[in-house]
């Protein structure tokens, strides 16, 4: 999640929000949270589960933008 926040601080095109999956179960269900951290990209168009290196997260963001 920290990486997503850093990206959001660097670009006005990126937004990042952190949510406690246990406290907001309905939201967790909506995005299919199966592990923490769970990064939803473009409202669920793609996602990354677990801590991911920057290059992996960027690759998944690019995939989401292609679709």
Protein backbone atom coordinates (compact mmCIF):
# COMPACT_ATOMS: atom_id res chain seq x y z
CA UNK A 1 0.00 0.00 0.00
CA UNK A 2 2.87 2.33 0.70
CA UNK A 3 3.96 2.05 -2.92
CA UNK A 4 0.48 3.03 -4.13
CA UNK A 5 0.54 6.08 -1.84
CA UNK A 6 3.94 7.08 -3.19
CA UNK A 7 2.66 6.78 -6.76
CA UNK A 8 -0.36 8.91 -5.87
CA UNK A 9 1.86 11.61 -4.40
CA UNK A 10 3.94 11.68 -7.59
CA UNK A 11 1.09 11.80 -10.12
CA UNK A 12 -2.29 13.53 -10.18
CA UNK A 13 -3.50 10.60 -12.33
CA UNK A 14 -3.14 8.14 -9.45
CA UNK A 15 -5.37 7.89 -6.38
CA UNK A 16 -4.72 5.61 -3.41
CA UNK A 17 -6.96 4.68 -0.48
CA UNK A 18 -6.29 2.32 2.39
CA UNK A 19 -9.16 0.34 3.90
CA UNK A 20 -9.23 -2.07 6.83
CA UNK A 21 -10.54 -5.28 5.22
CA UNK A 22 -11.94 -6.62 8.50
CA UNK A 23 -13.81 -3.42 9.31
CA UNK A 24 -15.25 -2.93 5.82
CA UNK A 25 -16.31 -6.46 4.89
CA UNK A 26 -18.74 -5.39 2.17
CA UNK A 27 -16.02 -3.46 0.37
CA UNK A 28 -13.60 -6.37 0.82
CA UNK A 29 -16.17 -8.71 -0.73
CA UNK A 30 -16.77 -6.32 -3.64
CA UNK A 31 -13.09 -6.42 -4.62
CA UNK A 32 -12.51 -10.06 -3.69
CA UNK A 33 -9.87 -9.33 -1.05
CA UNK A 34 -8.09 -12.61 -0.35
CA UNK A 35 -4.90 -11.33 1.24
CA UNK A 36 -3.32 -8.22 2.62
CA UNK A 37 -2.21 -6.02 1.06
CA UNK A 38 -4.64 -6.26 -1.83
CA UNK A 39 -4.21 -3.52 -4.43
CA UNK A 40 -7.25 -2.98 -6.66
CA UNK A 41 -6.40 -1.20 -9.92
CA UNK A 42 -8.98 0.86 -11.84
CA UNK A 43 -11.90 -0.17 -9.63
CA UNK A 44 -11.06 -3.86 -9.91
CA UNK A 45 -9.99 -4.07 -13.57
CA UNK A 46 -6.85 -5.73 -12.23
CA UNK A 47 -5.36 -6.39 -8.83
CA UNK A 48 -2.21 -7.42 -6.99
CA UNK A 49 -2.34 -9.51 -3.82
CA UNK A 50 0.58 -9.27 -1.42
CA UNK A 51 3.54 -6.95 -1.28
CA UNK A 52 4.75 -6.38 -4.83
CA UNK A 53 7.90 -4.73 -6.13
CA UNK A 54 7.39 -1.49 -8.02
CA UNK A 55 8.06 -2.99 -11.47
CA UNK A 56 5.42 -5.69 -10.90
CA UNK A 57 2.82 -3.14 -9.77
CA UNK A 58 3.57 -0.90 -12.76
CA UNK A 59 3.20 -3.89 -15.11
CA UNK A 60 -0.21 -4.74 -13.62
CA UNK A 61 -1.32 -1.11 -13.93
CA UNK A 62 -0.29 -1.14 -17.61
CA UNK A 63 -2.29 -4.36 -18.17
CA UNK A 64 -5.37 -2.76 -16.60
CA UNK A 65 -5.02 0.28 -18.85
CA UNK A 66 -4.76 -1.88 -21.98
CA UNK A 67 -8.15 -3.49 -21.32
